[in-house]
Amino acid sequence: MTTPSALSVSAVVSFLREVLESNEFFSDLWIQGEVSNYSRSQVGHRYFSLKDSSAALRTILFRDNMPGFQLRDGERVIAHGRITVYPQRGELQFVADFVRPEGVGILAARFEELRLRLEAGGLFDPARKRPLPPFPRHIGLVTSPTGAALQDIRNVLARRWPLATVLLSPALVQGDQAAGQVTAALRRLAKEPALGLALVAPGGGSAEDLSAFNDERVARAIYGFPVPVVSGVGHETDVTIADLVADMRAPTPSAAAERSAPDIGQLERALRMMDRQMASAVRNTVSEQAGKVETQLRRIQYSAPDPASLAAEVRSLLREMQAGLERRTSTDRARFENVAARIESLNPMATLARGFAIVQKEGATKKPVVNSTRKVKPGDRLSVSVADGAFWAEVS
């Protein structure tokens, strides 16, 4: 028989810790009890025990969880957290991440713990909210196939926007299986390629009835949905985690349908009004442009030359040119005749015709004109030119 070897304290404590922390039951616990031995460390961690009439559980609330939250001995609270083992002391320890007074109720405490955690994760950030498509052709719907919400939504969409196709992804909306079915229904719808938006609308109920829509799985399915999601979970006073994550919240399923689709009647009226406005605008524009054309035509007509007037002006100019030309010609003729007369008066032949003669000395190279008796002597030969010829003479 083999003798078993002894285990170290650390091995046993580590094994116990691993068993506790790997068990889902111990990793998501809600515990209610009375606070005792409350203390706060210098760094801000809060230490206390949760006890009832027969047991106590050592608890720690770290400073990063609910900073500033204070407790008092004797206060009854509801706390959420996980069970582990503190190795240095070998003590069972409850590590809390959320604490609320017991009077709020377990459902309200669960809601608040999840709301704070998801809000810190950015799931409610208004900046990520997507606008709804103005004219959706395919609208997904997650609801019970037998509930009144289905018919209400179909009636509203048939009245407001009959052009849309409703794609039902059925799911239980109440009971223990509801959260899982709603999550699966959203995942089925997410695979529809032509989907424009989705409605999540169980149709109201008590806080217990709406618990599926305060489930983290449903919240994350809505957060990761590929198109906008409209939440119409319950009545106007009911606000769920699904409402906070959705891109738009409506107080009822009917209101969700109203907000998800346009009113075709209003669109028709708007189109008719636009048609009238466009026709009126076209008429006004045509009238305005026609007026401008007429104005420009009148300006052209006023500025265009009159052919008859131009012809008269041309004829007048011709007459003036002719008269000017005649005056110029007469003046030039008179000047010419005057010059001709002057030239004629200087013509030596005319002088000879009146009985004068030109006497030139012969023998000289240039035949100088004899205009004085002192320029000749007896015996000189002279050439005498008269009007009808010339003859020789000798000076004696």
Protein backbone atom coordinates (compact mmCIF):
# COMPACT_ATOMS: atom_id res chain seq x y z
CA MET A 1 0.00 0.00 0.00
CA THR A 2 1.42 3.35 -1.13
CA THR A 3 1.68 6.01 1.53
CA PRO A 4 0.11 9.26 0.28
CA SER A 5 2.40 12.31 0.29
CA ALA A 6 1.46 15.36 2.31
CA LEU A 7 0.24 18.51 0.49
CA SER A 8 1.47 21.96 1.27
CA VAL A 9 -0.89 24.54 2.67
CA SER A 10 -0.34 26.71 -0.41
CA ALA A 11 -1.30 23.82 -2.74
CA VAL A 12 -4.51 23.15 -0.86
CA VAL A 13 -5.49 26.81 -0.65
CA SER A 14 -4.65 27.35 -4.35
CA PHE A 15 -6.73 24.30 -5.29
CA LEU A 16 -9.69 25.58 -3.28
CA ARG A 17 -9.34 29.01 -4.84
CA GLU A 18 -9.22 27.55 -8.36
CA VAL A 19 -12.30 25.42 -7.70
CA LEU A 20 -14.27 28.40 -6.44
CA GLU A 21 -13.21 30.85 -9.14
CA SER A 22 -13.82 28.41 -12.01
CA ASN A 23 -17.38 27.67 -10.89
CA GLU A 24 -19.94 29.97 -12.57
CA PHE A 25 -22.21 29.79 -9.54
CA PHE A 26 -19.59 31.37 -7.28
CA SER A 27 -18.51 33.98 -9.86
CA ASP A 28 -21.90 35.74 -10.12
CA LEU A 29 -23.52 35.84 -6.69
CA TRP A 30 -26.06 38.12 -5.06
CA ILE A 31 -25.91 38.02 -1.27
CA GLN A 32 -27.97 39.89 1.28
CA GLY A 33 -26.97 40.40 4.86
CA GLU A 34 -26.10 42.80 7.64
CA VAL A 35 -22.90 44.85 7.59
CA SER A 36 -20.55 44.39 10.56
CA ASN A 37 -16.95 45.24 11.40
CA TYR A 38 -16.87 47.91 8.68
CA SER A 39 -13.54 49.66 8.06
CA ARG A 40 -11.86 51.65 5.31
CA SER A 41 -8.18 51.48 4.44
CA GLN A 42 -5.99 54.48 3.67
CA VAL A 43 -6.01 53.62 -0.05
CA GLY A 44 -9.81 53.45 -0.12
CA HIS A 45 -10.65 49.73 0.05
CA ARG A 46 -13.65 48.90 2.25
CA TYR A 47 -13.62 45.81 4.49
CA PHE A 48 -16.63 44.36 6.33
CA SER A 49 -18.54 41.17 7.04
CA LEU A 50 -21.95 40.20 5.70
CA LYS A 51 -23.77 38.21 8.36
CA ASP A 52 -27.13 36.77 9.22
CA SER A 53 -28.33 34.98 12.35
CA SER A 54 -26.07 31.96 11.85
CA ALA A 55 -23.13 32.81 9.60
CA ALA A 56 -20.77 35.55 8.47
CA LEU A 57 -18.79 36.08 5.27
CA ARG A 58 -15.70 38.26 5.07
CA THR A 59 -16.18 40.86 2.28
CA ILE A 60 -14.10 43.47 0.45
CA LEU A 61 -15.25 46.30 -1.83
CA PHE A 62 -12.23 47.66 -3.72
CA ARG A 63 -11.81 51.40 -4.16
CA ASP A 64 -12.31 51.25 -7.97
CA ASN A 65 -15.77 49.76 -7.50
CA MET A 66 -18.35 52.34 -6.44
CA PRO A 67 -15.78 54.91 -5.30
CA GLY A 68 -17.04 57.08 -2.47
CA PHE A 69 -19.76 54.63 -1.41
CA GLN A 70 -19.96 54.35 2.40
CA LEU A 71 -21.46 51.69 4.66
CA ARG A 72 -22.46 51.56 8.32
CA ASP A 73 -22.43 48.71 10.80
CA GLY A 74 -25.89 47.24 11.20
CA GLU A 75 -27.04 48.31 7.70
CA ARG A 76 -28.77 45.57 5.69
CA VAL A 77 -27.57 45.43 2.09
CA ILE A 78 -27.68 43.44 -1.13
CA ALA A 79 -24.24 42.85 -2.68
CA HIS A 80 -23.03 41.40 -5.97
CA GLY A 81 -19.67 39.76 -6.49
CA ARG A 82 -17.68 36.52 -6.47
CA ILE A 83 -16.34 34.05 -3.91
CA THR A 84 -12.60 33.42 -3.64
CA VAL A 85 -9.99 32.41 -1.08
CA TYR A 86 -7.56 34.88 0.44
CA PRO A 87 -4.32 32.79 0.38
CA GLN A 88 -2.35 34.67 3.03
CA ARG A 89 -4.94 33.85 5.68
CA GLY A 90 -6.66 30.88 4.11
CA GLU A 91 -9.97 32.72 4.49
CA LEU A 92 -13.07 32.47 2.34
CA GLN A 93 -13.73 35.95 0.97
CA PHE A 94 -16.55 37.64 -0.96
CA VAL A 95 -15.17 40.20 -3.45
CA ALA A 96 -18.03 42.63 -4.02
CA ASP A 97 -18.33 44.99 -6.99
CA PHE A 98 -21.76 46.42 -6.22
CA VAL A 99 -23.62 47.13 -2.97
CA ARG A 100 -27.07 48.61 -2.37
CA PRO A 101 -29.38 48.91 0.64
CA GLU A 102 -31.59 45.84 1.00
CA GLY A 103 -34.76 47.94 0.67
CA VAL A 104 -34.30 48.50 -3.06
CA GLY A 105 -35.06 44.85 -3.84
CA ILE A 106 -33.02 42.27 -5.66
CA LEU A 107 -34.44 43.10 -9.12
CA ALA A 108 -33.70 46.80 -8.73
CA ALA A 109 -30.20 46.02 -7.43
CA ARG A 110 -29.48 43.68 -10.33
CA PHE A 111 -30.70 46.33 -12.76
CA GLU A 112 -28.55 49.04 -11.20
CA GLU A 113 -25.42 46.86 -11.10
CA LEU A 114 -25.75 45.92 -14.77
CA ARG A 115 -26.61 49.49 -15.78
CA LEU A 116 -23.51 50.88 -14.12
CA ARG A 117 -21.26 48.21 -15.60
CA LEU A 118 -22.57 48.57 -19.15
CA GLU A 119 -22.52 52.33 -18.92
CA ALA A 120 -18.86 52.19 -17.95
CA GLY A 121 -18.31 49.96 -21.00
CA GLY A 122 -19.76 52.61 -23.34
CA LEU A 123 -22.90 50.70 -24.36
CA PHE A 124 -25.16 53.69 -23.61
CA ASP A 125 -22.94 56.33 -25.21
CA PRO A 126 -25.18 58.78 -27.15
CA ALA A 127 -22.40 59.25 -29.72
CA ARG A 128 -22.85 55.67 -30.98
CA LYS A 129 -26.62 55.99 -31.48
CA ARG A 130 -27.37 55.55 -35.18
CA PRO A 131 -30.07 57.46 -37.08
CA LEU A 132 -32.98 55.43 -38.41
CA PRO A 133 -33.29 55.02 -42.19
CA PRO A 134 -35.92 57.45 -43.55
CA PHE A 135 -37.61 54.91 -45.88
CA PRO A 136 -36.92 51.34 -44.66
CA ARG A 137 -37.87 48.53 -47.05
CA HIS A 138 -37.27 45.61 -44.65
CA ILE A 139 -38.01 45.90 -40.92
CA GLY A 140 -37.00 43.12 -38.54
CA LEU A 141 -39.15 42.33 -35.51
CA VAL A 142 -38.29 40.39 -32.36
CA THR A 143 -41.39 39.56 -30.33
CA SER A 144 -43.69 36.74 -29.36
CA PRO A 145 -45.56 35.27 -32.38
CA THR A 146 -48.68 34.97 -30.24
CA GLY A 147 -48.56 38.30 -28.42
CA ALA A 148 -50.66 41.39 -29.04
CA ALA A 149 -47.53 43.41 -29.81
CA LEU A 150 -47.07 41.60 -33.15
CA GLN A 151 -50.51 42.56 -34.43
CA ASP A 152 -50.24 46.11 -33.10
CA ILE A 153 -46.96 46.64 -34.96
CA ARG A 154 -48.29 45.11 -38.17
CA ASN A 155 -51.39 47.31 -38.04
CA VAL A 156 -49.36 50.47 -37.52
CA LEU A 157 -46.88 49.65 -40.31
CA ALA A 158 -49.68 48.66 -42.71
CA ARG A 159 -51.32 52.02 -42.09
CA ARG A 160 -48.22 54.21 -42.06
CA TRP A 161 -45.76 52.48 -44.38
CA PRO A 162 -47.24 49.57 -46.39
CA LEU A 163 -44.16 49.55 -48.64
CA ALA A 164 -42.09 47.84 -45.92
CA THR A 165 -41.76 44.10 -45.43
CA VAL A 166 -41.87 42.88 -41.81
CA LEU A 167 -39.43 40.05 -41.04
CA LEU A 168 -40.51 38.32 -37.82
CA SER A 169 -37.87 36.56 -35.75
CA PRO A 170 -40.02 34.93 -33.04
CA ALA A 171 -38.91 34.52 -29.45
CA LEU A 172 -40.30 33.99 -25.99
CA VAL A 173 -40.36 37.33 -24.23
CA GLN A 174 -41.12 36.14 -20.69
CA GLY A 175 -39.76 33.39 -18.50
CA ASP A 176 -36.37 31.88 -17.78
CA GLN A 177 -35.64 31.08 -21.44
CA ALA A 178 -36.69 34.48 -22.79
CA ALA A 179 -33.27 36.18 -22.66
CA GLY A 180 -31.60 33.37 -24.58
CA GLN A 181 -34.36 33.26 -27.20
CA VAL A 182 -34.36 37.04 -27.71
CA THR A 183 -30.57 36.96 -28.14
CA ALA A 184 -30.86 34.13 -30.69
CA ALA A 185 -33.66 35.96 -32.53
CA LEU A 186 -31.49 39.06 -32.87
CA ARG A 187 -28.62 36.98 -34.20
CA ARG A 188 -30.90 35.44 -36.85
CA LEU A 189 -32.09 38.86 -37.95
CA ALA A 190 -28.52 40.17 -38.12
CA LYS A 191 -27.90 37.76 -41.02
CA GLU A 192 -30.58 39.39 -43.21
CA PRO A 193 -28.62 41.36 -45.83
CA ALA A 194 -31.39 43.80 -46.82
CA LEU A 195 -32.50 44.65 -43.29
CA GLY A 196 -32.92 48.39 -42.66
CA LEU A 197 -33.67 48.35 -38.93
CA ALA A 198 -35.05 46.09 -36.19
CA LEU A 199 -37.73 46.40 -33.51
CA VAL A 200 -37.49 44.68 -30.14
CA ALA A 201 -40.99 44.81 -28.69
CA PRO A 202 -42.27 42.26 -26.18
CA GLY A 203 -45.36 44.27 -25.24
CA GLY A 204 -44.93 45.32 -21.63
CA GLY A 205 -45.58 43.59 -18.36
CA SER A 206 -44.36 43.65 -14.78
CA ALA A 207 -40.73 44.11 -13.78
CA GLU A 208 -40.41 40.32 -13.56
CA ASP A 209 -41.95 39.93 -17.01
CA LEU A 210 -39.39 42.33 -18.49
CA SER A 211 -36.38 40.71 -16.82
CA ALA A 212 -35.17 39.23 -20.13
CA PHE A 213 -34.63 42.77 -21.41
CA ASN A 214 -32.45 43.56 -18.41
CA ASP A 215 -30.16 40.69 -19.35
CA GLU A 216 -26.58 41.40 -20.40
CA ARG A 217 -26.77 38.95 -23.31
CA VAL A 218 -29.69 40.84 -24.85
CA ALA A 219 -27.96 44.18 -24.24
CA ARG A 220 -24.79 43.09 -26.02
CA ALA A 221 -26.76 41.58 -28.92
CA ILE A 222 -28.49 44.94 -29.44
CA TYR A 223 -25.19 46.80 -29.08
CA GLY A 224 -23.53 44.67 -31.73
CA PHE A 225 -26.49 44.63 -34.13
CA PRO A 226 -25.47 45.73 -37.66
CA VAL A 227 -28.38 48.15 -38.23
CA PRO A 228 -30.28 50.53 -35.92
CA VAL A 229 -32.50 48.99 -33.24
CA VAL A 230 -35.70 50.51 -31.86
CA SER A 231 -36.75 49.29 -28.43
CA GLY A 232 -40.42 49.26 -27.52
CA VAL A 233 -40.19 46.97 -24.53
CA GLY A 234 -43.01 47.97 -22.25
CA HIS A 235 -45.22 50.74 -21.05
CA GLU A 236 -44.14 54.35 -20.87
CA THR A 237 -42.93 54.09 -17.26
CA ASP A 238 -40.83 50.96 -17.90
CA VAL A 239 -37.16 51.54 -18.74
CA THR A 240 -34.99 48.50 -19.36
CA ILE A 241 -31.34 47.93 -20.18
CA ALA A 242 -32.46 47.13 -23.74
CA ASP A 243 -34.04 50.60 -23.94
CA LEU A 244 -30.79 52.23 -22.87
CA VAL A 245 -28.65 50.31 -25.40
CA ALA A 246 -31.02 50.67 -28.37
CA ASP A 247 -30.52 53.41 -30.93
CA MET A 248 -34.03 54.70 -30.16
CA ARG A 249 -36.44 54.00 -27.35
CA ALA A 250 -40.23 54.01 -27.68
CA PRO A 251 -42.63 53.61 -24.74
CA THR A 252 -44.77 50.90 -26.41
CA PRO A 253 -44.57 48.52 -29.40
CA SER A 254 -47.06 50.68 -31.32
CA ALA A 255 -44.96 53.77 -30.67
CA ALA A 256 -41.87 51.86 -31.81
CA ALA A 257 -43.60 51.09 -35.10
CA GLU A 258 -44.68 54.74 -35.41
CA ARG A 259 -41.11 55.95 -34.98
CA SER A 260 -39.59 53.32 -37.26
CA ALA A 261 -41.43 54.23 -40.44
CA PRO A 262 -42.63 57.39 -42.17
CA ASP A 263 -46.31 58.16 -42.66
CA ILE A 264 -47.09 57.52 -46.31
CA GLY A 265 -50.11 59.84 -46.10
CA GLN A 266 -47.94 62.70 -44.91
CA LEU A 267 -45.42 61.93 -47.64
CA GLU A 268 -48.15 62.03 -50.27
CA ARG A 269 -49.40 65.36 -48.96
CA ALA A 270 -45.87 66.68 -48.82
CA LEU A 271 -45.22 65.52 -52.39
CA ARG A 272 -48.42 67.17 -53.62
CA MET A 273 -47.44 70.38 -51.87
CA MET A 274 -43.94 70.16 -53.37
CA ASP A 275 -45.50 69.58 -56.79
CA ARG A 276 -47.64 72.69 -56.40
CA GLN A 277 -44.70 74.69 -55.14
CA MET A 278 -42.52 73.50 -58.02
CA ALA A 279 -45.23 74.30 -60.58
CA SER A 280 -45.70 77.74 -59.04
CA ALA A 281 -41.95 78.28 -58.99
CA VAL A 282 -41.67 77.24 -62.64
CA ARG A 283 -44.51 79.58 -63.63
CA ASN A 284 -42.96 82.44 -61.71
CA THR A 285 -39.57 81.74 -63.23
CA VAL A 286 -40.99 81.53 -66.76
CA SER A 287 -42.96 84.74 -66.23
CA GLU A 288 -39.92 86.51 -64.81
CA GLN A 289 -37.67 85.34 -67.63
CA ALA A 290 -40.32 86.25 -70.24
CA GLY A 291 -40.44 89.76 -68.78
CA LYS A 292 -36.67 89.98 -69.01
CA VAL A 293 -36.76 88.80 -72.64
CA GLU A 294 -39.40 91.39 -73.51
CA THR A 295 -37.36 94.12 -71.84
CA GLN A 296 -34.25 93.10 -73.74
CA LEU A 297 -36.26 92.90 -76.99
CA ARG A 298 -37.52 96.44 -76.49
CA ARG A 299 -33.99 97.61 -75.77
CA ILE A 300 -32.79 95.92 -78.96
CA GLN A 301 -35.61 97.42 -80.93
CA TYR A 302 -34.88 100.88 -79.57
CA SER A 303 -31.17 100.58 -80.18
CA ALA A 304 -31.40 98.90 -83.62
CA PRO A 305 -30.92 101.29 -86.63
CA ASP A 306 -33.92 102.31 -88.83
CA PRO A 307 -33.18 101.29 -92.46
CA ALA A 308 -35.27 104.14 -93.93
CA SER A 309 -33.54 106.64 -91.69
CA LEU A 310 -30.15 105.20 -92.62
CA ALA A 311 -31.04 105.38 -96.34
CA ALA A 312 -32.07 109.01 -95.95
CA GLU A 313 -28.83 109.74 -94.11
CA VAL A 314 -26.86 107.98 -96.87
CA ARG A 315 -28.65 109.98 -99.57
CA SER A 316 -28.03 113.19 -97.68
CA LEU A 317 -24.38 112.29 -97.32
CA LEU A 318 -24.18 111.53 -101.06
CA ARG A 319 -25.68 114.89 -101.88
CA GLU A 320 -23.26 116.62 -99.55
CA MET A 321 -20.37 114.66 -101.05
CA GLN A 322 -21.46 115.53 -104.61
CA ALA A 323 -21.90 119.22 -103.75
CA GLY A 324 -18.53 119.22 -102.01
CA LEU A 325 -16.93 117.46 -104.94
CA GLU A 326 -18.43 119.94 -107.39
CA ARG A 327 -17.25 122.85 -105.25
CA ARG A 328 -13.81 121.37 -105.06
CA THR A 329 -13.75 120.66 -108.78
CA SER A 330 -14.89 124.21 -109.64
CA THR A 331 -12.29 125.68 -107.30
CA ASP A 332 -9.56 123.45 -108.71
CA ARG A 333 -10.65 124.29 -112.28
CA ALA A 334 -10.46 128.01 -111.56
CA ARG A 335 -7.07 127.58 -110.00
CA PHE A 336 -5.93 125.53 -113.00
CA GLU A 337 -7.18 128.07 -115.52
CA ASN A 338 -5.51 130.86 -113.57
CA VAL A 339 -2.23 128.98 -113.50
CA ALA A 340 -2.61 128.09 -117.16
CA ALA A 341 -3.21 131.74 -118.02
CA ARG A 342 -0.18 132.73 -116.05
CA ILE A 343 1.86 130.03 -117.73
CA GLU A 344 0.55 131.10 -121.13
CA SER A 345 1.44 134.67 -120.42
CA LEU A 346 4.97 133.55 -119.84
CA ASN A 347 5.14 131.53 -123.10
CA PRO A 348 7.86 133.12 -125.31
CA MET A 349 6.02 132.07 -128.47
CA ALA A 350 3.10 134.23 -127.48
CA THR A 351 5.50 137.12 -127.07
CA LEU A 352 6.96 136.46 -130.51
CA ALA A 353 3.47 136.35 -131.95
CA ARG A 354 3.00 139.94 -130.86
CA GLY A 355 5.95 141.02 -133.05
CA PHE A 356 8.83 140.53 -130.72
CA ALA A 357 11.92 138.55 -131.73
CA ILE A 358 14.73 136.75 -130.00
CA VAL A 359 18.18 137.72 -131.11
CA GLN A 360 21.07 135.39 -130.38
CA LYS A 361 24.69 135.79 -131.16
CA GLU A 362 25.98 133.15 -133.55
CA GLY A 363 29.35 131.51 -133.22
CA ALA A 364 29.22 131.34 -129.49
CA THR A 365 28.90 127.99 -127.80
CA LYS A 366 25.82 128.91 -125.80
CA LYS A 367 24.32 131.38 -128.25
CA PRO A 368 23.77 134.18 -125.78
CA VAL A 369 20.73 136.38 -126.19
CA VAL A 370 21.51 139.83 -127.44
CA ASN A 371 19.55 142.29 -125.38
CA SER A 372 21.89 145.28 -125.79
CA THR A 373 23.73 146.94 -128.66
CA ARG A 374 26.84 146.90 -126.57
CA LYS A 375 26.96 143.11 -126.86
CA VAL A 376 27.49 143.17 -130.66
CA LYS A 377 29.91 144.76 -133.14
CA PRO A 378 29.93 145.08 -136.82
CA GLY A 379 30.40 141.87 -138.68
CA ASP A 380 28.74 139.63 -135.94
CA ARG A 381 26.30 137.11 -137.27
CA LEU A 382 22.99 137.06 -135.49
CA SER A 383 20.15 134.49 -135.37
CA VAL A 384 16.78 136.18 -135.24
CA SER A 385 13.83 134.03 -134.09
CA VAL A 386 10.27 135.25 -134.83
CA ALA A 387 6.86 133.66 -134.38
CA ASP A 388 6.92 131.56 -137.52
CA GLY A 389 10.68 130.82 -137.89
CA ALA A 390 14.19 132.20 -137.78
CA PHE A 391 16.64 133.97 -140.16
CA TRP A 392 20.26 135.19 -140.23
CA ALA A 393 21.43 138.76 -140.01
CA GLU A 394 24.80 140.52 -139.93
CA VAL A 395 25.66 143.57 -137.90
CA SER A 396 26.95 146.38 -140.11
